[in-house]
Protein backbone atom coordinates (compact mmCIF):
# COMPACT_ATOMS: atom_id res chain seq x y z
CA MET A 1 89.59 49.61 71.72
CA SER A 2 91.84 51.98 73.66
CA THR A 3 91.23 53.16 77.21
CA LEU A 4 90.34 56.65 75.98
CA GLU A 5 87.73 55.29 73.57
CA ARG A 6 86.20 53.07 76.26
CA MET A 7 86.03 56.02 78.64
CA ARG A 8 84.39 58.17 75.95
CA ASP A 9 81.77 55.51 75.21
CA TRP A 10 81.07 55.11 78.92
CA LEU A 11 80.59 58.85 79.38
CA ARG A 12 78.20 58.95 76.42
CA ALA A 13 76.20 56.17 78.00
CA HIS A 14 76.17 58.01 81.38
CA PRO A 15 75.56 61.72 80.65
CA LEU A 16 74.89 62.54 84.31
CA ALA A 17 78.40 61.39 85.23
CA LEU A 18 79.80 63.54 82.42
CA ASP A 19 77.90 66.58 83.70
CA ALA A 20 79.12 65.90 87.23
CA ALA A 21 82.71 65.81 85.97
CA LEU A 22 82.11 69.06 84.08
CA ALA A 23 80.65 70.68 87.21
CA ALA A 24 83.71 69.61 89.20
CA GLY A 25 85.99 71.09 86.57
CA VAL A 26 84.05 74.37 86.58
CA LEU A 27 84.26 74.51 90.38
CA VAL A 28 88.03 74.00 90.31
CA SER A 29 88.38 76.69 87.65
CA MET A 30 86.27 79.17 89.62
CA VAL A 31 88.19 78.54 92.84
CA ALA A 32 91.51 78.90 91.01
CA GLY A 33 90.27 82.08 89.28
CA SER A 34 89.32 83.63 92.58
CA PHE A 35 93.02 83.82 93.46
CA VAL A 36 93.77 86.01 90.45
CA ASP A 37 94.23 89.71 91.21
CA PRO A 38 93.47 91.73 88.03
CA HIS A 39 94.66 94.98 89.68
CA GLY A 40 98.11 93.98 90.91
CA ALA A 41 101.15 96.20 90.76
CA ASP A 42 102.37 94.43 87.64
CA GLY A 43 98.94 93.85 86.04
CA THR A 44 97.04 90.59 86.42
CA THR A 45 98.84 88.51 89.03
CA TRP A 46 98.16 85.57 91.32
CA GLY A 47 97.24 86.76 94.76
CA ALA A 48 97.64 85.12 98.13
CA ARG A 49 94.07 85.93 99.13
CA THR A 50 91.34 83.35 99.49
CA PRO A 51 87.65 83.79 98.58
CA ASP A 52 85.35 84.64 101.44
CA ALA A 53 82.75 82.19 102.72
CA LEU A 54 79.84 83.67 100.71
CA SER A 55 81.77 83.56 97.41
CA LEU A 56 82.87 80.00 98.07
CA ALA A 57 79.28 78.96 98.81
CA LEU A 58 78.04 80.66 95.64
CA MET A 59 80.69 78.87 93.57
CA VAL A 60 79.64 75.51 95.02
CA LEU A 61 75.94 76.21 94.37
CA GLY A 62 76.58 77.37 90.80
CA SER A 63 78.73 74.36 89.90
CA ALA A 64 76.30 71.94 91.61
CA ALA A 65 73.44 73.25 89.48
CA LEU A 66 75.40 72.34 86.33
CA VAL A 67 75.02 68.64 87.15
CA PHE A 68 71.40 68.92 85.97
CA ARG A 69 72.03 71.13 82.95
CA ARG A 70 70.78 68.52 80.42
CA ARG A 71 67.58 67.74 82.32
CA SER A 72 66.43 71.31 83.00
CA PRO A 73 68.63 73.78 81.08
CA MET A 74 66.35 76.79 81.69
CA LYS A 75 66.09 76.20 85.43
CA VAL A 76 69.83 75.65 85.71
CA LEU A 77 70.45 78.91 83.81
CA ALA A 78 68.11 80.77 86.15
CA ALA A 79 69.86 79.33 89.23
CA THR A 80 73.35 80.12 87.97
CA VAL A 81 72.33 83.66 86.95
CA ALA A 82 70.88 84.18 90.41
CA VAL A 83 74.07 83.15 92.25
CA SER A 84 76.12 85.20 89.76
CA LEU A 85 74.03 88.32 90.50
CA VAL A 86 74.58 87.89 94.22
CA GLU A 87 78.32 87.62 93.65
CA LEU A 88 78.40 90.66 91.34
CA VAL A 89 76.57 92.85 93.90
CA THR A 90 78.19 91.78 97.17
CA ALA A 91 81.75 90.59 96.51
CA ASP A 92 84.80 92.82 96.36
CA PRO A 93 87.00 91.51 94.91
CA ARG A 94 84.75 89.26 92.87
CA ALA A 95 85.08 85.52 92.37
CA PRO A 96 84.32 84.20 88.85
CA VAL A 97 80.91 82.74 89.80
CA ALA A 98 79.55 83.96 86.45
CA MET A 99 81.46 81.11 84.80
CA SER A 100 78.65 78.74 85.83
CA ALA A 101 76.12 81.00 84.12
CA VAL A 102 78.25 81.02 80.97
CA VAL A 103 78.22 77.18 80.84
CA ALA A 104 74.48 77.10 81.51
CA LEU A 105 73.80 79.64 78.74
CA TYR A 106 75.85 77.56 76.31
CA THR A 107 73.74 74.51 77.22
CA VAL A 108 70.49 76.39 76.59
CA ALA A 109 71.75 77.67 73.23
CA SER A 110 72.91 74.21 72.11
CA THR A 111 69.67 72.43 73.06
CA THR A 112 66.99 74.91 71.94
CA ASP A 113 66.12 76.74 68.73
CA ARG A 114 67.67 79.97 67.45
CA PRO A 115 64.84 82.37 68.48
CA THR A 116 64.99 81.04 72.04
CA THR A 117 68.77 81.41 72.02
CA TRP A 118 68.49 85.05 70.92
CA ARG A 119 65.89 85.92 73.55
CA VAL A 120 67.51 84.10 76.45
CA GLY A 121 71.05 85.10 75.44
CA LEU A 122 70.24 88.80 75.15
CA ALA A 123 68.33 88.74 78.42
CA THR A 124 71.19 87.02 80.26
CA MET A 125 73.81 89.33 78.80
CA THR A 126 71.76 92.43 79.62
CA VAL A 127 70.91 91.46 83.19
CA LEU A 128 74.40 90.32 84.20
CA THR A 129 76.20 93.23 82.50
CA ALA A 130 73.76 95.86 83.78
CA VAL A 131 73.93 94.63 87.37
CA ALA A 132 77.73 94.39 87.21
CA MET A 133 78.02 97.96 85.91
CA LEU A 134 75.31 99.69 87.96
CA ALA A 135 75.03 97.78 91.24
CA GLY A 136 78.49 96.39 91.76
CA PRO A 137 81.32 97.91 93.76
CA LEU A 138 83.50 98.43 90.66
CA PRO A 139 83.26 101.32 88.17
CA TRP A 140 80.94 100.65 85.25
CA TYR A 141 83.84 100.65 82.81
CA ALA A 142 85.86 98.06 84.78
CA GLN A 143 87.48 95.23 82.88
CA GLU A 144 85.51 92.60 84.83
CA ASN A 145 82.17 94.10 83.69
CA LEU A 146 83.19 94.00 80.04
CA GLY A 147 84.39 90.42 80.55
CA VAL A 148 80.90 89.37 81.74
CA PHE A 149 79.39 90.82 78.55
CA ALA A 150 81.96 89.14 76.29
CA TRP A 151 81.81 85.70 77.89
CA THR A 152 78.00 85.48 77.90
CA GLY A 153 77.87 86.58 74.26
CA MET A 154 80.46 83.99 73.20
CA ALA A 155 78.62 81.27 75.14
CA ALA A 156 75.35 81.99 73.30
CA ALA A 157 77.11 82.11 69.91
CA ALA A 158 79.06 78.90 70.53
CA GLY A 159 75.96 77.01 71.69
CA ASP A 160 74.00 78.15 68.64
CA ALA A 161 76.84 77.05 66.33
CA VAL A 162 76.98 73.60 67.95
CA ARG A 163 73.20 73.21 67.65
CA SER A 164 73.31 74.19 63.96
CA ARG A 165 76.12 71.72 63.34
CA ARG A 166 74.21 68.89 65.00
CA ALA A 167 71.07 69.71 63.00
CA PHE A 168 73.07 69.77 59.77
CA VAL A 169 74.71 66.40 60.45
CA HIS A 170 71.37 64.90 61.48
CA ALA A 171 69.72 66.17 58.29
CA ILE A 172 72.50 64.69 56.14
CA ARG A 173 72.27 61.34 57.93
CA GLU A 174 68.49 61.26 57.66
CA ARG A 175 68.65 62.16 53.97
CA ALA A 176 71.16 59.37 53.34
CA GLU A 177 69.03 56.84 55.23
CA ARG A 178 65.95 57.94 53.31
CA ALA A 179 67.79 57.60 50.02
CA GLU A 180 68.98 54.13 51.02
CA ARG A 181 65.45 53.06 51.93
CA THR A 182 64.16 54.47 48.65
CA ARG A 183 66.78 52.56 46.69
CA GLU A 184 65.97 49.33 48.50
CA GLU A 185 62.25 49.78 47.97
CA GLU A 186 62.79 50.58 44.29
CA ALA A 187 65.00 47.52 43.90
CA ARG A 188 62.41 45.29 45.57
CA ARG A 189 59.66 46.75 43.39
CA ARG A 190 61.65 46.12 40.23
CA VAL A 191 62.49 42.57 41.31
CA ALA A 192 58.80 41.90 41.99
CA GLU A 193 57.80 43.34 38.62
CA GLU A 194 60.45 41.26 36.85
CA ARG A 195 59.34 38.10 38.63
CA LEU A 196 55.75 38.79 37.67
CA ARG A 197 56.72 39.38 34.05
CA ILE A 198 58.77 36.16 33.91
CA ALA A 199 55.93 34.22 35.56
CA ARG A 200 53.51 35.52 32.95
CA ASP A 201 55.91 34.60 30.15
CA LEU A 202 56.35 31.10 31.54
CA HIS A 203 52.61 30.68 31.91
CA ASP A 204 52.00 31.85 28.37
CA VAL A 205 54.66 29.53 26.95
CA VAL A 206 53.59 26.49 28.94
CA ALA A 207 49.84 27.01 28.63
CA HIS A 208 49.87 27.63 24.89
CA HIS A 209 52.33 25.01 23.70
CA ILE A 210 51.37 22.25 26.13
CA ALA A 211 47.70 22.71 25.28
CA LEU A 212 48.65 22.47 21.59
CA VAL A 213 50.72 19.35 22.21
CA ASN A 214 47.85 17.81 24.17
CA VAL A 215 45.35 18.43 21.38
CA GLN A 216 47.64 17.20 18.60
CA ALA A 217 48.61 14.11 20.58
CA GLY A 218 44.94 13.31 21.07
CA VAL A 219 44.31 13.70 17.36
CA ALA A 220 47.26 11.43 16.53
CA ALA A 221 46.02 8.74 18.92
CA HIS A 222 42.54 8.96 17.44
CA VAL A 223 43.51 8.59 13.76
CA MET A 224 46.65 6.44 14.16
CA ASP A 225 45.02 3.24 12.84
CA LYS A 226 42.69 4.57 10.14
CA ARG A 227 44.61 7.61 8.81
CA PRO A 228 48.32 7.25 9.55
CA ASP A 229 49.27 10.17 7.28
CA GLN A 230 47.14 12.53 9.33
CA ALA A 231 48.60 11.03 12.51
CA LYS A 232 52.11 11.71 11.24
CA GLU A 233 51.13 15.29 10.48
CA ALA A 234 49.71 15.68 14.00
CA LEU A 235 52.91 14.25 15.51
CA ALA A 236 54.94 16.69 13.42
CA HIS A 237 52.89 19.51 14.91
CA VAL A 238 53.55 18.05 18.36
CA ARG A 239 57.26 18.02 17.68
CA GLU A 240 57.25 21.58 16.38
CA ALA A 241 55.18 22.86 19.31
CA SER A 242 57.43 21.12 21.84
CA ARG A 243 60.54 22.53 20.14
CA SER A 244 59.08 26.04 20.24
CA ALA A 245 58.12 25.59 23.89
CA LEU A 246 61.63 24.44 24.78
CA ASN A 247 63.22 27.34 22.92
CA GLU A 248 60.98 29.92 24.58
CA LEU A 249 61.45 28.35 27.99
CA ARG A 250 65.22 28.36 27.50
CA ALA A 251 65.13 32.02 26.52
CA THR A 252 62.88 32.97 29.46
CA VAL A 253 64.71 30.97 32.11
CA GLY A 254 68.01 32.25 30.72
CA LEU A 255 67.07 35.64 32.14
CA LEU A 256 67.33 34.13 35.63
CA ARG A 257 70.84 32.79 35.18
CA GLN A 258 73.82 34.42 36.80
CA SER A 259 76.88 35.33 34.78
CA GLY A 260 78.86 32.31 36.00
CA ASP A 261 76.12 29.69 35.71
CA PRO A 262 76.70 26.78 33.30
CA GLU A 263 74.67 26.67 30.13
CA ALA A 264 73.21 23.23 30.92
CA PRO A 265 73.05 20.90 33.95
CA THR A 266 76.26 18.95 34.45
CA GLU A 267 74.55 15.98 36.13
CA PRO A 268 71.12 14.33 36.00
CA ALA A 269 68.37 15.34 38.40
CA PRO A 270 68.64 13.39 41.66
CA GLY A 271 66.08 10.76 42.65
CA LEU A 272 65.47 7.89 45.03
CA ALA A 273 68.24 5.94 43.31
CA ARG A 274 70.66 8.24 45.15
CA LEU A 275 68.94 7.92 48.54
CA ALA A 276 71.78 5.84 50.01
CA GLU A 277 74.29 8.47 48.92
CA LEU A 278 72.15 11.20 50.47
CA ALA A 279 71.90 9.33 53.75
CA ASP A 280 75.68 8.85 53.80
CA THR A 281 76.25 12.59 53.50
CA PHE A 282 74.17 13.20 56.64
CA ARG A 283 75.84 10.32 58.48
CA ASN A 284 79.21 11.87 57.68
CA ALA A 285 77.86 15.14 59.13
CA GLY A 286 77.08 13.40 62.43
CA LEU A 287 73.39 12.56 62.03
CA PRO A 288 72.53 8.85 62.39
CA VAL A 289 70.12 7.96 59.57
CA GLU A 290 68.32 4.65 59.10
CA VAL A 291 66.76 3.91 55.71
CA ALA A 292 64.03 1.36 55.08
CA ARG A 293 62.63 0.78 51.59
CA SER A 294 59.93 -1.52 50.21
CA ASP A 295 59.48 0.16 46.84
CA HIS A 296 62.03 -1.83 44.84
CA GLY A 297 60.97 -2.24 41.24
CA THR A 298 58.74 0.86 41.36
CA ALA A 299 59.55 3.34 38.62
CA LEU A 300 58.38 6.79 39.66
CA PRO A 301 57.86 9.59 37.12
CA ALA A 302 60.79 11.96 36.95
CA ALA A 303 58.92 14.75 38.75
CA ALA A 304 57.74 12.45 41.54
CA ASP A 305 61.19 10.89 41.88
CA LEU A 306 62.78 14.33 42.22
CA ALA A 307 60.06 15.46 44.64
CA ALA A 308 60.64 12.42 46.87
CA TYR A 309 64.38 13.07 46.93
CA ARG A 310 63.91 16.77 47.74
CA VAL A 311 61.40 16.03 50.53
CA ILE A 312 63.83 13.63 52.19
CA GLN A 313 66.71 16.04 51.69
CA GLU A 314 64.83 18.99 53.21
CA ALA A 315 63.49 16.92 56.10
CA LEU A 316 66.93 15.55 57.00
CA THR A 317 68.38 19.05 56.72
CA ASN A 318 65.80 20.30 59.23
CA VAL A 319 66.64 17.42 61.57
CA ARG A 320 70.33 18.25 61.34
CA LYS A 321 69.69 21.95 62.00
CA HIS A 322 66.97 21.87 64.65
CA ALA A 323 66.66 18.47 66.34
CA GLY A 324 69.68 18.92 68.57
CA GLN A 325 72.53 16.72 69.70
CA GLY A 326 71.84 12.99 69.92
CA ALA A 327 68.92 13.06 67.50
CA LYS A 328 68.36 10.17 65.09
CA ALA A 329 66.43 10.10 61.84
CA GLU A 330 64.46 7.31 60.18
CA VAL A 331 63.58 7.37 56.48
CA SER A 332 61.07 4.97 54.97
CA VAL A 333 59.91 4.66 51.36
CA VAL A 334 56.93 2.31 50.96
CA ARG A 335 54.84 1.40 47.91
CA VAL A 336 51.15 1.33 48.84
CA GLY A 337 48.98 0.57 45.82
CA PRO A 338 49.06 3.46 43.33
CA VAL A 339 51.20 5.70 45.56
CA VAL A 340 54.56 5.77 47.27
CA GLU A 341 54.69 7.02 50.85
CA VAL A 342 57.82 8.80 52.04
CA THR A 343 58.21 9.29 55.80
CA VAL A 344 61.01 10.99 57.74
CA LEU A 345 60.95 10.73 61.55
CA ASP A 346 63.27 12.07 64.22
CA ASN A 347 63.42 11.92 68.00
CA GLY A 348 65.06 15.27 68.63
CA PRO A 349 63.80 17.58 71.40
CA GLY A 350 63.75 20.50 68.97
CA PRO A 351 62.64 23.38 71.23
CA ASP A 352 65.49 22.82 73.67
CA THR A 353 68.07 23.30 70.95
CA GLY A 354 67.03 26.61 69.55
CA LEU A 355 64.25 25.56 67.15
CA ASP A 356 61.86 28.40 66.68
CA ASN A 357 58.50 27.52 68.19
CA GLY A 358 56.81 30.80 67.44
CA PRO A 359 53.65 31.10 65.43
CA GLY A 360 53.98 29.48 62.08
CA SER A 361 57.05 27.48 62.97
CA GLY A 362 55.29 24.19 62.47
CA ASN A 363 56.73 22.85 65.72
CA ASN A 364 53.81 23.44 68.04
CA PRO A 365 51.23 20.71 68.42
CA GLY A 366 48.14 21.29 66.42
CA GLU A 367 49.68 24.03 64.34
CA ASP A 368 50.08 23.79 60.62
CA ALA A 369 53.54 24.43 59.37
CA ALA A 370 53.95 27.68 57.53
CA PRO A 371 56.84 29.98 56.86
CA GLN A 372 57.47 32.72 59.35
CA GLU A 373 57.97 36.33 58.48
CA GLY A 374 61.55 36.51 57.32
CA GLY A 375 62.07 32.83 58.11
CA GLY A 376 62.68 29.72 56.00
CA HIS A 377 60.21 28.26 53.52
CA GLY A 378 61.35 24.62 53.57
CA LEU A 379 58.09 23.02 54.74
CA LEU A 380 56.02 25.19 52.46
CA GLY A 381 58.32 24.38 49.55
CA MET A 382 57.97 20.63 50.21
CA ARG A 383 54.20 20.89 50.28
CA GLU A 384 54.05 22.93 47.09
CA ARG A 385 56.43 20.57 45.27
CA VAL A 386 54.42 17.47 46.24
CA THR A 387 51.04 19.09 45.57
CA ALA A 388 52.19 20.15 42.10
CA ILE A 389 52.48 16.49 41.02
CA GLY A 390 49.15 15.44 42.56
CA GLY A 391 50.40 14.25 45.95
CA SER A 392 50.09 15.47 49.53
CA CYS A 393 52.53 16.35 52.27
CA THR A 394 52.08 16.86 56.01
CA ALA A 395 54.57 17.86 58.67
CA GLY A 396 54.25 18.26 62.41
CA PRO A 397 55.50 17.23 65.86
CA ARG A 398 55.25 13.62 67.00
CA TYR A 399 53.56 12.49 70.18
CA GLY A 400 56.27 12.12 72.80
CA GLY A 401 58.78 14.32 71.01
CA GLY A 402 60.41 14.64 67.66
CA PHE A 403 59.07 15.61 64.26
CA ARG A 404 57.40 13.78 61.35
CA VAL A 405 57.29 14.57 57.64
CA HIS A 406 54.99 12.40 55.52
CA ALA A 407 54.55 12.68 51.74
CA ILE A 408 52.29 10.66 49.44
CA LEU A 409 53.42 10.61 45.81
CA PRO A 410 51.52 9.12 42.84
CA VAL A 411 53.27 6.37 40.94
CA LYS A 412 51.76 7.51 37.64
CA ASN A 413 51.42 10.98 36.18
CA HIS A 414 48.04 12.61 36.54
CA ALA A 415 48.03 14.59 33.29
CA PRO A 416 44.99 16.81 32.58
CA ALA A 417 42.44 15.42 30.22
CA LEU A 418 41.92 16.77 26.75
CA GLY A 419 40.26 20.15 26.96
CA ASP A 420 41.08 20.78 30.63
CA PRO A 421 42.31 24.28 31.39
CA VAL A 422 46.05 24.68 31.82
C-alpha cells in the first residue's frame, strides 16, 4: 500500500482530522484572497494591503466552525453565514469570508435531502446576496455581489449532486447484496429439498426391498426342510429383491457423485485390521499413540468394524487438532462378552490450546457433546454411527485433564425381527 493510500485510509478513519485540514485550507485561501484587489489599474491584481483585524478575526471564526461541519451542518452554516454577513456590511474592501459559508452550504446539501437543500440553499443565497447588494458599501451591481450569488448557488448544486451520487451507489450496492442473499437462500433451499427427496427415495428403496427380503428369507428358512422347491422360489425372490434394491440404491446415490468421482470404491472399507496403520499415520504427524488390544480372534460385522475404525480415527483427529503440544493418546480395543469396547484417551490441556469450550463444545465438565452452530459435527457423527448399529458412544473431559471417547459395539448384528417396522 502506498503512502497516499495509507493517508487516505487514515483520514477516512478520522473525519475530524480531515475537517480540520479542510478548515486550515479554507483559512489559507481566504487570507490569500484578501490580498487580491479586483479594482486595480490593470483589472484584478494582487495588492500589498493586509486585511484589517475584524476581517482576520471573522476569517478565523468562519474556518474554525468548519471543523464541526459533519457533526452539526446546520449550526455551522448559520455561524458561517453570520460572520459572512458581518464582513459584507462592515468591510471595505471585503475579505472572502463568504467562502466558509459556501463550504458549509455544500456540506448541508450533501448530507440532507433535496427539499431541505432547496429551502436552505435559496435562503442562504437570498440573504447573502441581498445584504451584499443593499447594505454593503459597494454598488448593488458590483462584481463581488454577483460572485456571492454564483458561489452559493454552485455550492448547493454540487452538494445535491454528490448526495444523489452517493444514494445511487448505495442503492446499487444494496440491490446487489440483496440479490446475492436471495441467490444463496434459494441455493440452500434447493439443496435442502434435494436432500429431502434423496432421503425419501433411499428410505423407500431400503424399507420396501429389505422388508421383502426379510419376509422371503423367513419363508425359506421355514420350509427349507419340508418343501425345498418353495424354499428355492423364496430365495429367488430374495435374490431378485436384493438386486432391485442395489440397482435403485446405485441410481439414487449416483445423484450425489461429483463429476470426477470413481464409479466404484478402489479399496475395501477400513476396519480394525488397519488400526496399526492408522496409529502410524498419527505418529508420523507428531502425535504419540499407544495401542492396546485384547480382541484378537473377534470377527466384528462389517458395519461395526467400520464404525470402530471411524470412531478411533475421529477421536485421534480431535486429539491432534485440539489437545495441544505434548499430548499423548491411548487407544484400547477390548472384548467384553457380547460387545467390543473402544476407548480413546488423551492427556492434552485442550482449553489452553485453542479448543472451543463454548456451549455445546463437549469440553466442559458435565456437558454433553453436541455440535456448535457452524462448528464441526465429529462427536455427533460418531454417536450416530455407533447408535445405528445398536451400540453406544460417550465423549467428555477426563478428571484431571484430557478427553475420553468410549464406544460400545455389538459383536453380532441386531437385525429386526420378522414383521418389525423398517
